[in-house]
PDB file of all heavy atoms in Angstrom:
ATOM      1  N   ALA A   1     -10.109 -37.780  40.364  1.00  0.00           N
ATOM      2  CA  ALA A   1      -9.739 -39.185  39.903  1.00  0.00           C
ATOM      3  C   ALA A   1      -9.207 -39.966  41.104  1.00  0.00           C
ATOM      4  O   ALA A   1      -8.494 -40.901  40.856  1.00  0.00           O
ATOM      5  CB  ALA A   1      -8.776 -39.230  38.760  1.00  0.00           C
ATOM      6  N   CYS A   2      -9.604 -39.576  42.280  1.00  0.00           N
ATOM      7  CA  CYS A   2      -9.286 -40.449  43.449  1.00  0.00           C
ATOM      8  C   CYS A   2     -10.644 -40.321  44.236  1.00  0.00           C
ATOM      9  O   CYS A   2     -11.168 -39.224  44.355  1.00  0.00           O
ATOM     10  CB  CYS A   2      -8.182 -39.916  44.245  1.00  0.00           C
ATOM     11  SG  CYS A   2      -8.019 -40.643  45.936  1.00  0.00           S
ATOM     12  N   THR A   3     -11.093 -41.352  44.792  1.00  0.00           N
ATOM     13  CA  THR A   3     -12.467 -41.321  45.484  1.00  0.00           C
ATOM     14  C   THR A   3     -12.430 -40.535  46.760  1.00  0.00           C
ATOM     15  O   THR A   3     -13.508 -40.137  47.287  1.00  0.00           O
ATOM     16  CB  THR A   3     -13.068 -42.692  45.771  1.00  0.00           C
ATOM     17  OG1 THR A   3     -11.959 -43.633  46.178  1.00  0.00           O
ATOM     18  CG2 THR A   3     -13.535 -43.309  44.463  1.00  0.00           C
ATOM     19  N   GLU A   4     -11.311 -40.038  47.203  1.00  0.00           N
ATOM     20  CA  GLU A   4     -11.147 -39.116  48.374  1.00  0.00           C
ATOM     21  C   GLU A   4     -11.322 -37.654  47.899  1.00  0.00           C
ATOM     22  O   GLU A   4     -11.803 -36.879  48.563  1.00  0.00           O
ATOM     23  CB  GLU A   4      -9.812 -39.271  49.034  1.00  0.00           C
ATOM     24  CG  GLU A   4      -9.905 -40.205  50.219  1.00  0.00           C
ATOM     25  CD  GLU A   4      -9.979 -41.717  49.707  1.00  0.00           C
ATOM     26  OE1 GLU A   4      -9.248 -42.023  48.680  1.00  0.00           O
ATOM     27  OE2 GLU A   4     -10.536 -42.478  50.504  1.00  0.00           O
ATOM     28  N   ILE A   5     -10.949 -37.373  46.538  1.00  0.00           N
ATOM     29  CA  ILE A   5     -10.928 -36.045  46.140  1.00  0.00           C
ATOM     30  C   ILE A   5     -12.362 -35.294  46.107  1.00  0.00           C
ATOM     31  O   ILE A   5     -12.502 -34.156  46.551  1.00  0.00           O
ATOM     32  CB  ILE A   5     -10.273 -35.873  44.782  1.00  0.00           C
ATOM     33  CG1 ILE A   5      -8.841 -36.278  44.837  1.00  0.00           C
ATOM     34  CG2 ILE A   5     -10.462 -34.439  44.138  1.00  0.00           C
ATOM     35  CD1 ILE A   5      -7.985 -35.360  45.700  1.00  0.00           C
ATOM     36  N   PRO A   6     -13.406 -36.060  45.691  1.00  0.00           N
ATOM     37  CA  PRO A   6     -14.733 -35.354  45.784  1.00  0.00           C
ATOM     38  C   PRO A   6     -15.132 -34.942  47.248  1.00  0.00           C
ATOM     39  O   PRO A   6     -15.902 -33.941  47.316  1.00  0.00           O
ATOM     40  CB  PRO A   6     -15.717 -36.460  45.415  1.00  0.00           C
ATOM     41  CG  PRO A   6     -14.825 -37.273  44.441  1.00  0.00           C
ATOM     42  CD  PRO A   6     -13.562 -37.385  45.074  1.00  0.00           C
ATOM     43  N   ILE A   7     -14.590 -35.492  48.241  1.00  0.00           N
ATOM     44  CA  ILE A   7     -14.801 -35.038  49.604  1.00  0.00           C
ATOM     45  C   ILE A   7     -14.242 -33.689  49.872  1.00  0.00           C
ATOM     46  O   ILE A   7     -14.752 -32.897  50.708  1.00  0.00           O
ATOM     47  CB  ILE A   7     -14.449 -36.123  50.539  1.00  0.00           C
ATOM     48  CG1 ILE A   7     -15.173 -37.439  50.231  1.00  0.00           C
ATOM     49  CG2 ILE A   7     -14.628 -35.692  51.986  1.00  0.00           C
ATOM     50  CD1 ILE A   7     -14.654 -38.739  50.912  1.00  0.00           C
ATOM     51  N   LEU A   8     -13.282 -33.279  49.035  1.00  0.00           N
ATOM     52  CA  LEU A   8     -12.551 -32.021  49.213  1.00  0.00           C
ATOM     53  C   LEU A   8     -13.247 -30.875  48.330  1.00  0.00           C
ATOM     54  O   LEU A   8     -13.149 -29.713  48.506  1.00  0.00           O
ATOM     55  CB  LEU A   8     -11.164 -32.080  48.794  1.00  0.00           C
ATOM     56  CG  LEU A   8     -10.191 -32.722  49.888  1.00  0.00           C
ATOM     57  CD1 LEU A   8      -8.964 -33.346  49.108  1.00  0.00           C
ATOM     58  CD2 LEU A   8      -9.741 -31.691  50.836  1.00  0.00           C
ATOM     59  N   LEU A   9     -14.030 -31.338  47.417  1.00  0.00           N
ATOM     60  CA  LEU A   9     -14.609 -30.418  46.354  1.00  0.00           C
ATOM     61  C   LEU A   9     -15.438 -29.294  47.011  1.00  0.00           C
ATOM     62  O   LEU A   9     -15.503 -28.192  46.532  1.00  0.00           O
ATOM     63  CB  LEU A   9     -15.411 -31.107  45.242  1.00  0.00           C
ATOM     64  CG  LEU A   9     -14.461 -31.987  44.311  1.00  0.00           C
ATOM     65  CD1 LEU A   9     -15.315 -32.547  43.181  1.00  0.00           C
ATOM     66  CD2 LEU A   9     -13.258 -31.217  43.798  1.00  0.00           C
ATOM     67  N   PRO A  10     -16.303 -29.607  48.040  1.00  0.00           N
ATOM     68  CA  PRO A  10     -17.142 -28.639  48.600  1.00  0.00           C
ATOM     69  C   PRO A  10     -16.247 -27.377  49.245  1.00  0.00           C
ATOM     70  O   PRO A  10     -16.790 -26.352  49.507  1.00  0.00           O
ATOM     71  CB  PRO A  10     -17.947 -29.358  49.702  1.00  0.00           C
ATOM     72  CG  PRO A  10     -18.028 -30.698  49.280  1.00  0.00           C
ATOM     73  CD  PRO A  10     -16.626 -31.031  48.627  1.00  0.00           C
ATOM     74  N   TYR A  11     -14.994 -27.624  49.450  1.00  0.00           N
ATOM     75  CA  TYR A  11     -14.168 -26.576  50.070  1.00  0.00           C
ATOM     76  C   TYR A  11     -13.506 -25.793  48.960  1.00  0.00           C
ATOM     77  O   TYR A  11     -12.690 -24.763  49.352  1.00  0.00           O
ATOM     78  CB  TYR A  11     -13.058 -27.324  50.823  1.00  0.00           C
ATOM     79  CG  TYR A  11     -13.564 -28.019  52.158  1.00  0.00           C
ATOM     80  CD1 TYR A  11     -13.902 -29.373  52.009  1.00  0.00           C
ATOM     81  CD2 TYR A  11     -13.693 -27.348  53.296  1.00  0.00           C
ATOM     82  CE1 TYR A  11     -14.463 -30.106  53.075  1.00  0.00           C
ATOM     83  CE2 TYR A  11     -14.162 -28.030  54.436  1.00  0.00           C
ATOM     84  CZ  TYR A  11     -14.524 -29.450  54.328  1.00  0.00           C
ATOM     85  OH  TYR A  11     -15.069 -30.151  55.369  1.00  0.00           O
ATOM     86  N   LEU A  12     -13.677 -26.015  47.653  1.00  0.00           N
ATOM     87  CA  LEU A  12     -13.082 -25.301  46.600  1.00  0.00           C
ATOM     88  C   LEU A  12     -13.529 -23.851  46.614  1.00  0.00           C
ATOM     89  O   LEU A  12     -14.724 -23.563  46.804  1.00  0.00           O
ATOM     90  CB  LEU A  12     -13.392 -25.884  45.271  1.00  0.00           C
ATOM     91  CG  LEU A  12     -12.335 -26.970  44.660  1.00  0.00           C
ATOM     92  CD1 LEU A  12     -12.887 -27.393  43.366  1.00  0.00           C
ATOM     93  CD2 LEU A  12     -10.937 -26.349  44.595  1.00  0.00           C
ATOM     94  N   LYS A  13     -12.611 -22.907  46.479  1.00  0.00           N
ATOM     95  CA  LYS A  13     -12.981 -21.541  46.434  1.00  0.00           C
ATOM     96  C   LYS A  13     -12.903 -20.936  45.058  1.00  0.00           C
ATOM     97  O   LYS A  13     -13.593 -19.963  44.656  1.00  0.00           O
ATOM     98  CB  LYS A  13     -11.953 -20.628  47.264  1.00  0.00           C
ATOM     99  CG  LYS A  13     -12.022 -20.943  48.792  1.00  0.00           C
ATOM    100  CD  LYS A  13     -11.050 -20.190  49.693  1.00  0.00           C
ATOM    101  CE  LYS A  13     -11.153 -20.421  51.096  1.00  0.00           C
ATOM    102  NZ  LYS A  13     -10.226 -19.661  51.895  1.00  0.00           N
ATOM    103  N   LYS A  14     -12.160 -21.621  44.193  1.00  0.00           N
ATOM    104  CA  LYS A  14     -12.022 -21.240  42.816  1.00  0.00           C
ATOM    105  C   LYS A  14     -13.102 -21.930  42.012  1.00  0.00           C
ATOM    106  O   LYS A  14     -13.388 -23.093  42.165  1.00  0.00           O
ATOM    107  CB  LYS A  14     -10.673 -21.634  42.257  1.00  0.00           C
ATOM    108  CG  LYS A  14     -10.364 -21.251  40.797  1.00  0.00           C
ATOM    109  CD  LYS A  14      -8.921 -21.550  40.391  1.00  0.00           C
ATOM    110  CE  LYS A  14      -8.595 -21.242  39.020  1.00  0.00           C
ATOM    111  NZ  LYS A  14      -7.288 -21.676  38.611  1.00  0.00           N
ATOM    112  N   ASP A  15     -13.680 -21.219  40.975  1.00  0.00           N
ATOM    113  CA  ASP A  15     -14.782 -21.727  40.143  1.00  0.00           C
ATOM    114  C   ASP A  15     -14.086 -22.515  39.019  1.00  0.00           C
ATOM    115  O   ASP A  15     -13.709 -21.865  38.016  1.00  0.00           O
ATOM    116  CB  ASP A  15     -15.687 -20.679  39.676  1.00  0.00           C
ATOM    117  CG  ASP A  15     -16.805 -21.221  38.867  1.00  0.00           C
ATOM    118  OD1 ASP A  15     -17.118 -22.431  38.959  1.00  0.00           O
ATOM    119  OD2 ASP A  15     -17.449 -20.453  38.067  1.00  0.00           O
ATOM    120  N   VAL A  16     -13.927 -23.844  39.145  1.00  0.00           N
ATOM    121  CA  VAL A  16     -13.319 -24.621  38.105  1.00  0.00           C
ATOM    122  C   VAL A  16     -14.269 -25.699  37.638  1.00  0.00           C
ATOM    123  O   VAL A  16     -15.187 -26.098  38.381  1.00  0.00           O
ATOM    124  CB  VAL A  16     -11.981 -25.176  38.649  1.00  0.00           C
ATOM    125  CG1 VAL A  16     -10.957 -24.161  38.861  1.00  0.00           C
ATOM    126  CG2 VAL A  16     -12.175 -26.105  39.784  1.00  0.00           C
ATOM    127  N   LYS A  17     -14.050 -26.226  36.466  1.00  0.00           N
ATOM    128  CA  LYS A  17     -14.913 -27.286  35.961  1.00  0.00           C
ATOM    129  C   LYS A  17     -14.258 -28.653  36.400  1.00  0.00           C
ATOM    130  O   LYS A  17     -13.146 -28.991  35.960  1.00  0.00           O
ATOM    131  CB  LYS A  17     -14.886 -27.201  34.418  1.00  0.00           C
ATOM    132  CG  LYS A  17     -15.598 -25.897  33.818  1.00  0.00           C
ATOM    133  CD  LYS A  17     -15.445 -25.891  32.358  1.00  0.00           C
ATOM    134  CE  LYS A  17     -16.022 -24.605  31.892  1.00  0.00           C
ATOM    135  NZ  LYS A  17     -15.879 -24.302  30.426  1.00  0.00           N
ATOM    136  N   PHE A  18     -15.019 -29.296  37.189  1.00  0.00           N
ATOM    137  CA  PHE A  18     -14.622 -30.558  37.740  1.00  0.00           C
ATOM    138  C   PHE A  18     -15.606 -31.726  37.378  1.00  0.00           C
ATOM    139  O   PHE A  18     -16.843 -31.577  37.398  1.00  0.00           O
ATOM    140  CB  PHE A  18     -14.586 -30.559  39.314  1.00  0.00           C
ATOM    141  CG  PHE A  18     -13.185 -30.568  39.889  1.00  0.00           C
ATOM    142  CD1 PHE A  18     -12.653 -29.451  40.361  1.00  0.00           C
ATOM    143  CD2 PHE A  18     -12.582 -31.851  39.946  1.00  0.00           C
ATOM    144  CE1 PHE A  18     -11.346 -29.497  40.908  1.00  0.00           C
ATOM    145  CE2 PHE A  18     -11.255 -31.881  40.541  1.00  0.00           C
ATOM    146  CZ  PHE A  18     -10.678 -30.751  41.014  1.00  0.00           C
ATOM    147  N   ILE A  19     -15.008 -32.774  36.858  1.00  0.00           N
ATOM    148  CA  ILE A  19     -15.813 -34.041  36.772  1.00  0.00           C
ATOM    149  C   ILE A  19     -15.497 -34.851  37.971  1.00  0.00           C
ATOM    150  O   ILE A  19     -14.377 -35.248  38.308  1.00  0.00           O
ATOM    151  CB  ILE A  19     -15.364 -34.822  35.522  1.00  0.00           C
ATOM    152  CG1 ILE A  19     -15.867 -34.155  34.224  1.00  0.00           C
ATOM    153  CG2 ILE A  19     -15.839 -36.270  35.603  1.00  0.00           C
ATOM    154  CD1 ILE A  19     -17.306 -34.267  33.926  1.00  0.00           C
ATOM    155  N   ASP A  20     -16.579 -35.207  38.774  1.00  0.00           N
ATOM    156  CA  ASP A  20     -16.555 -36.013  39.922  1.00  0.00           C
ATOM    157  C   ASP A  20     -16.557 -37.471  39.409  1.00  0.00           C
ATOM    158  O   ASP A  20     -17.650 -37.939  39.081  1.00  0.00           O
ATOM    159  CB  ASP A  20     -17.648 -35.605  40.883  1.00  0.00           C
ATOM    160  CG  ASP A  20     -17.635 -36.452  42.164  1.00  0.00           C
ATOM    161  OD1 ASP A  20     -16.937 -37.464  42.243  1.00  0.00           O
ATOM    162  OD2 ASP A  20     -18.385 -36.146  43.101  1.00  0.00           O
ATOM    163  N   ALA A  21     -15.417 -38.125  39.468  1.00  0.00           N
ATOM    164  CA  ALA A  21     -15.492 -39.600  39.049  1.00  0.00           C
ATOM    165  C   ALA A  21     -16.359 -40.443  39.773  1.00  0.00           C
ATOM    166  O   ALA A  21     -16.915 -41.300  39.222  1.00  0.00           O
ATOM    167  CB  ALA A  21     -13.937 -40.087  39.052  1.00  0.00           C
ATOM    168  N   THR A  22     -16.468 -40.124  41.025  1.00  0.00           N
ATOM    169  CA  THR A  22     -17.281 -41.011  41.974  1.00  0.00           C
ATOM    170  C   THR A  22     -18.741 -40.810  41.478  1.00  0.00           C
ATOM    171  O   THR A  22     -19.569 -41.710  41.480  1.00  0.00           O
ATOM    172  CB  THR A  22     -17.209 -40.535  43.469  1.00  0.00           C
ATOM    173  OG1 THR A  22     -15.846 -40.751  43.766  1.00  0.00           O
ATOM    174  CG2 THR A  22     -18.054 -41.466  44.312  1.00  0.00           C
ATOM    175  N   GLU A  23     -19.189 -39.547  41.172  1.00  0.00           N
ATOM    176  CA  GLU A  23     -20.436 -39.314  40.775  1.00  0.00           C
ATOM    177  C   GLU A  23     -20.880 -39.955  39.417  1.00  0.00           C
ATOM    178  O   GLU A  23     -21.941 -40.554  39.274  1.00  0.00           O
ATOM    179  CB  GLU A  23     -20.728 -37.800  40.677  1.00  0.00           C
ATOM    180  CG  GLU A  23     -22.195 -37.452  40.326  1.00  0.00           C
ATOM    181  CD  GLU A  23     -22.563 -36.024  40.418  1.00  0.00           C
ATOM    182  OE1 GLU A  23     -21.787 -35.350  41.127  1.00  0.00           O
ATOM    183  OE2 GLU A  23     -23.515 -35.550  39.823  1.00  0.00           O
ATOM    184  N   GLU A  24     -19.843 -39.941  38.538  1.00  0.00           N
ATOM    185  CA  GLU A  24     -20.027 -40.594  37.222  1.00  0.00           C
ATOM    186  C   GLU A  24     -20.145 -42.109  37.435  1.00  0.00           C
ATOM    187  O   GLU A  24     -20.949 -42.793  36.767  1.00  0.00           O
ATOM    188  CB  GLU A  24     -18.979 -40.295  36.297  1.00  0.00           C
ATOM    189  CG  GLU A  24     -18.762 -38.777  35.990  1.00  0.00           C
ATOM    190  CD  GLU A  24     -20.035 -38.219  35.446  1.00  0.00           C
ATOM    191  OE1 GLU A  24     -20.847 -38.874  34.719  1.00  0.00           O
ATOM    192  OE2 GLU A  24     -20.322 -37.061  35.860  1.00  0.00           O
ATOM    193  N   LEU A  25     -19.480 -42.737  38.379  1.00  0.00           N
ATOM    194  CA  LEU A  25     -19.596 -44.096  38.652  1.00  0.00           C
ATOM    195  C   LEU A  25     -20.870 -44.456  39.278  1.00  0.00           C
ATOM    196  O   LEU A  25     -21.548 -45.441  38.909  1.00  0.00           O
ATOM    197  CB  LEU A  25     -18.514 -44.520  39.636  1.00  0.00           C
ATOM    198  CG  LEU A  25     -18.469 -46.021  40.088  1.00  0.00           C
ATOM    199  CD1 LEU A  25     -18.454 -47.040  38.885  1.00  0.00           C
ATOM    200  CD2 LEU A  25     -17.349 -46.332  41.031  1.00  0.00           C
ATOM    201  N   ALA A  26     -21.342 -43.520  40.147  1.00  0.00           N
ATOM    202  CA  ALA A  26     -22.685 -43.760  40.657  1.00  0.00           C
ATOM    203  C   ALA A  26     -23.851 -43.709  39.620  1.00  0.00           C
ATOM    204  O   ALA A  26     -24.714 -44.507  39.599  1.00  0.00           O
ATOM    205  CB  ALA A  26     -23.017 -42.606  41.773  1.00  0.00           C
TER     206      ALA A  26
END
């Protein structure tokens, strides 16, 4: 829920369910 956070998502090691707010806006 911050447009900087999706830029960090590719670095996630844990398999969690994420909604990318930027992608939903797109």
